[in-house]
């Protein structure tokens, strides 16, 4: 549990830090650097919950110009944690959804936002995958369909389109984060992708054999489905 928490903390640091050393920033006029910095700003909150983690963002924060930065960050964080969990033999599962919520105290979220995600994680995910709720998919589709001249909304539109490309429908019809897909590799895992995928597959194939030997029907079917997903990517 501590390893999971520490790993998530380490991954959050570069997401939340201003990208002042970006090569793109270096190419634009100095006068436009404040605009670039506003476009990069994000805030992802964390709530520790027993053996799990809840990471959440506010889509109505008036200080954040491009709220999709936070959504993109959550997609990258959860997908990478899931892939790393398999590669390091500590499998996890999760879910992403959107709804109203209230941060009663700092880092303490209350409302359907957390309830929906928990329901998807506990009842639907079942094996190491990140289930994405239908309301989240509809939200991304609405953002990706935006057309206008506002630079911040255009940035939101572009990030929403990228997030949509990271999704696929699993065999049960639920949308999942395709953390082994090309879009996720290009946007998040990059050069580390191949090695992580190799280690993940070794673990999944090994666990499938173990569960088959133990005649554990529930886990054998889950690892068989997971292996099919890994081999499809």
Protein backbone atom coordinates (compact mmCIF):
# COMPACT_ATOMS: atom_id res chain seq x y z
CA UNK A 1 0.00 0.00 0.00
CA UNK A 2 2.82 2.39 0.90
CA UNK A 3 4.56 1.50 -2.37
CA UNK A 4 1.42 2.39 -4.32
CA UNK A 5 1.06 5.70 -2.50
CA UNK A 6 4.72 6.63 -2.96
CA UNK A 7 4.60 5.71 -6.65
CA UNK A 8 1.53 7.87 -7.19
CA UNK A 9 3.16 10.79 -5.34
CA UNK A 10 6.29 10.53 -7.49
CA UNK A 11 4.22 10.49 -10.68
CA UNK A 12 2.16 13.49 -9.64
CA UNK A 13 5.14 15.78 -9.10
CA UNK A 14 6.05 16.37 -12.76
CA UNK A 15 2.37 16.70 -13.70
CA UNK A 16 1.82 19.50 -11.21
CA UNK A 17 5.05 21.36 -11.84
CA UNK A 18 5.06 24.20 -14.35
CA UNK A 19 6.79 23.08 -17.53
CA UNK A 20 9.20 26.01 -17.63
CA UNK A 21 11.89 24.04 -19.46
CA UNK A 22 9.66 22.88 -22.30
CA UNK A 23 11.29 23.16 -25.75
CA UNK A 24 7.98 24.50 -27.05
CA UNK A 25 8.02 27.26 -24.48
CA UNK A 26 11.57 28.16 -25.47
CA UNK A 27 10.51 28.65 -29.11
CA UNK A 28 7.66 31.08 -28.48
CA UNK A 29 8.17 34.82 -27.84
CA UNK A 30 8.95 35.73 -24.24
CA UNK A 31 5.89 37.97 -24.15
CA UNK A 32 3.71 34.87 -24.65
CA UNK A 33 5.32 32.83 -21.86
CA UNK A 34 2.65 33.85 -19.30
CA UNK A 35 -0.02 32.56 -21.70
CA UNK A 36 1.85 29.28 -22.09
CA UNK A 37 2.22 28.97 -18.32
CA UNK A 38 -1.52 29.54 -17.83
CA UNK A 39 -2.24 26.82 -20.40
CA UNK A 40 -0.05 24.31 -18.52
CA UNK A 41 -1.32 24.95 -15.01
CA UNK A 42 -3.26 22.18 -13.32
CA UNK A 43 -4.28 20.91 -9.90
CA UNK A 44 -4.87 17.23 -9.04
CA UNK A 45 -5.99 16.45 -5.51
CA UNK A 46 -5.44 13.16 -3.72
CA UNK A 47 -7.37 11.28 -1.07
CA UNK A 48 -5.92 8.19 0.57
CA UNK A 49 -8.60 5.63 1.26
CA UNK A 50 -7.71 2.36 3.04
CA UNK A 51 -5.75 0.30 0.47
CA UNK A 52 -6.73 2.61 -2.40
CA UNK A 53 -6.21 6.08 -3.79
CA UNK A 54 -8.64 8.68 -5.05
CA UNK A 55 -7.25 11.36 -7.36
CA UNK A 56 -9.68 14.08 -8.36
CA UNK A 57 -9.81 17.40 -10.19
CA UNK A 58 -12.29 20.26 -10.14
CA UNK A 59 -13.69 21.23 -13.53
CA UNK A 60 -14.97 24.51 -12.11
CA UNK A 61 -11.78 25.89 -10.56
CA UNK A 62 -11.66 29.54 -11.73
CA UNK A 63 -7.87 29.66 -11.31
CA UNK A 64 -7.30 26.87 -13.86
CA UNK A 65 -7.58 28.03 -17.48
CA UNK A 66 -7.40 24.58 -19.07
CA UNK A 67 -9.27 22.14 -16.85
CA UNK A 68 -8.59 19.27 -19.26
CA UNK A 69 -4.97 19.29 -18.09
CA UNK A 70 -6.20 17.72 -14.86
CA UNK A 71 -8.34 15.14 -16.66
CA UNK A 72 -5.43 14.24 -18.93
CA UNK A 73 -3.21 13.96 -15.85
CA UNK A 74 -5.64 11.59 -14.14
CA UNK A 75 -5.83 9.44 -17.29
CA UNK A 76 -2.05 9.24 -17.45
CA UNK A 77 -1.64 8.61 -13.73
CA UNK A 78 -4.23 5.83 -13.42
CA UNK A 79 -3.22 4.06 -16.62
CA UNK A 80 0.46 4.09 -15.71
CA UNK A 81 -0.24 2.87 -12.17
CA UNK A 82 -2.23 -0.03 -13.60
CA UNK A 83 0.50 -0.96 -16.08
CA UNK A 84 3.24 -0.56 -13.45
CA UNK A 85 1.21 -2.71 -11.07
CA UNK A 86 1.31 -5.60 -13.54
CA UNK A 87 4.96 -5.05 -14.41
CA UNK A 88 5.96 -5.07 -10.71
CA UNK A 89 3.59 -7.93 -9.76
CA UNK A 90 1.32 -5.73 -7.66
CA UNK A 91 -1.87 -5.62 -9.77
CA UNK A 92 -4.43 -2.90 -9.16
CA UNK A 93 -7.70 -1.84 -10.78
CA UNK A 94 -9.54 1.46 -10.93
CA UNK A 95 -12.19 3.66 -12.48
CA UNK A 96 -12.73 7.20 -13.72
CA UNK A 97 -16.04 9.04 -13.75
CA UNK A 98 -17.49 12.54 -13.53
CA UNK A 99 -20.17 13.93 -11.20
CA UNK A 100 -20.64 16.70 -8.67
CA UNK A 101 -18.62 16.59 -5.48
CA UNK A 102 -17.64 18.72 -2.52
CA UNK A 103 -14.21 18.87 -0.90
CA UNK A 104 -15.43 19.14 2.70
CA UNK A 105 -11.86 19.44 3.96
CA UNK A 106 -8.71 19.55 1.90
CA UNK A 107 -8.24 16.13 0.34
CA UNK A 108 -11.63 14.85 1.55
CA UNK A 109 -14.07 14.48 -1.34
CA UNK A 110 -17.78 13.83 -0.78
CA UNK A 111 -20.61 13.15 -3.22
CA UNK A 112 -21.49 11.12 -6.34
CA UNK A 113 -18.10 11.90 -7.90
CA UNK A 114 -16.39 9.50 -5.53
CA UNK A 115 -19.37 7.13 -5.21
CA UNK A 116 -19.63 6.52 -8.96
CA UNK A 117 -15.93 5.85 -9.37
CA UNK A 118 -15.95 3.51 -6.38
CA UNK A 119 -18.94 1.60 -7.73
CA UNK A 120 -17.24 1.11 -11.10
CA UNK A 121 -13.97 0.04 -9.46
CA UNK A 122 -15.51 -2.35 -6.93
CA UNK A 123 -18.30 -3.91 -9.00
CA UNK A 124 -17.38 -3.54 -12.67
CA UNK A 125 -13.58 -3.46 -13.07
CA UNK A 126 -13.02 -6.92 -11.48
CA UNK A 127 -9.49 -7.32 -12.87
CA UNK A 128 -6.55 -4.95 -13.58
CA UNK A 129 -8.21 -2.42 -15.86
CA UNK A 130 -9.39 1.19 -15.57
CA UNK A 131 -13.11 1.43 -16.30
CA UNK A 132 -14.33 4.81 -17.58
CA UNK A 133 -17.94 5.72 -16.85
CA UNK A 134 -20.39 6.70 -19.63
CA UNK A 135 -20.80 10.24 -18.25
CA UNK A 136 -17.04 10.72 -18.52
CA UNK A 137 -17.12 9.53 -22.13
CA UNK A 138 -19.99 11.91 -22.95
CA UNK A 139 -18.10 14.77 -21.32
CA UNK A 140 -15.00 14.09 -23.40
CA UNK A 141 -17.06 13.86 -26.57
CA UNK A 142 -18.67 17.23 -25.84
CA UNK A 143 -15.29 18.86 -25.19
CA UNK A 144 -13.72 17.32 -28.29
CA UNK A 145 -16.56 18.67 -30.45
CA UNK A 146 -15.88 22.27 -29.43
CA UNK A 147 -15.04 24.78 -32.17
CA UNK A 148 -14.04 28.35 -31.45
CA UNK A 149 -11.18 30.80 -31.26
CA UNK A 150 -10.52 30.84 -27.51
CA UNK A 151 -7.01 29.41 -27.05
CA UNK A 152 -7.77 27.82 -23.68
CA UNK A 153 -10.91 26.11 -24.92
CA UNK A 154 -9.01 24.93 -28.00
CA UNK A 155 -6.44 23.37 -25.67
CA UNK A 156 -9.24 21.64 -23.76
CA UNK A 157 -10.64 20.40 -27.06
CA UNK A 158 -7.30 18.94 -28.12
CA UNK A 159 -6.69 17.18 -24.81
CA UNK A 160 -10.23 15.75 -24.81
CA UNK A 161 -9.62 14.34 -28.28
CA UNK A 162 -6.41 12.68 -27.05
CA UNK A 163 -8.19 11.20 -24.02
CA UNK A 164 -10.92 9.78 -26.26
CA UNK A 165 -8.28 8.05 -28.39
CA UNK A 166 -7.00 6.37 -25.21
CA UNK A 167 -10.34 4.60 -24.73
CA UNK A 168 -11.63 1.31 -26.10
CA UNK A 169 -14.71 -0.77 -25.36
CA UNK A 170 -13.98 -4.03 -23.58
CA UNK A 171 -15.79 -7.29 -24.35
CA UNK A 172 -18.48 -6.50 -21.76
CA UNK A 173 -19.31 -3.18 -23.43
CA UNK A 174 -17.72 -0.97 -20.79
CA UNK A 175 -15.24 1.70 -21.83
CA UNK A 176 -11.75 1.19 -20.47
CA UNK A 177 -8.50 3.13 -20.53
CA UNK A 178 -6.32 1.45 -23.15
CA UNK A 179 -3.05 1.75 -21.22
CA UNK A 180 -1.30 -0.58 -23.67
CA UNK A 181 -2.50 1.26 -26.77
CA UNK A 182 -0.49 3.42 -29.19
CA UNK A 183 -2.10 6.68 -28.07
CA UNK A 184 -1.23 6.01 -24.43
CA UNK A 185 2.31 5.05 -25.42
CA UNK A 186 2.78 8.19 -27.54
CA UNK A 187 1.35 10.50 -24.88
CA UNK A 188 2.39 8.90 -21.58
CA UNK A 189 4.68 5.87 -21.37
CA UNK A 190 6.84 6.63 -24.44
CA UNK A 191 10.18 4.74 -24.51
CA UNK A 192 9.40 2.80 -21.30
CA UNK A 193 6.31 1.22 -22.86
CA UNK A 194 7.90 -1.88 -24.41
CA UNK A 195 9.72 -3.01 -21.29
CA UNK A 196 6.68 -2.43 -19.07
CA UNK A 197 4.45 -4.36 -21.45
CA UNK A 198 6.90 -7.29 -21.58
CA UNK A 199 7.10 -7.55 -17.80
CA UNK A 200 3.32 -7.17 -17.50
CA UNK A 201 2.71 -10.01 -19.95
CA UNK A 202 5.11 -12.31 -18.13
CA UNK A 203 3.25 -11.74 -14.87
CA UNK A 204 -0.22 -12.16 -16.41
CA UNK A 205 0.72 -15.40 -18.22
CA UNK A 206 2.30 -16.76 -15.05
CA UNK A 207 -0.78 -15.94 -12.96
CA UNK A 208 -3.07 -17.57 -15.51
CA UNK A 209 -1.12 -20.82 -15.20
CA UNK A 210 -1.20 -20.59 -11.39
CA UNK A 211 -4.97 -20.07 -11.27
CA UNK A 212 -5.57 -22.88 -13.77
CA UNK A 213 -3.51 -25.26 -11.63
CA UNK A 214 -5.49 -24.18 -8.58
CA UNK A 215 -8.78 -24.58 -10.46
CA UNK A 216 -9.67 -21.03 -9.43
CA UNK A 217 -12.33 -20.37 -12.06
CA UNK A 218 -12.93 -16.73 -11.12
CA UNK A 219 -9.31 -15.61 -11.29
CA UNK A 220 -8.45 -17.90 -14.22
CA UNK A 221 -11.15 -16.33 -16.37
CA UNK A 222 -10.05 -12.84 -15.34
CA UNK A 223 -6.39 -13.46 -16.15
CA UNK A 224 -7.38 -15.12 -19.43
CA UNK A 225 -9.28 -11.99 -20.41
CA UNK A 226 -6.39 -9.80 -19.30
CA UNK A 227 -3.92 -11.86 -21.32
CA UNK A 228 -6.12 -11.49 -24.38
CA UNK A 229 -6.03 -7.71 -23.91
CA UNK A 230 -2.24 -7.68 -23.49
CA UNK A 231 -1.71 -9.81 -26.61
CA UNK A 232 -4.11 -7.65 -28.62
CA UNK A 233 -1.77 -4.71 -27.97
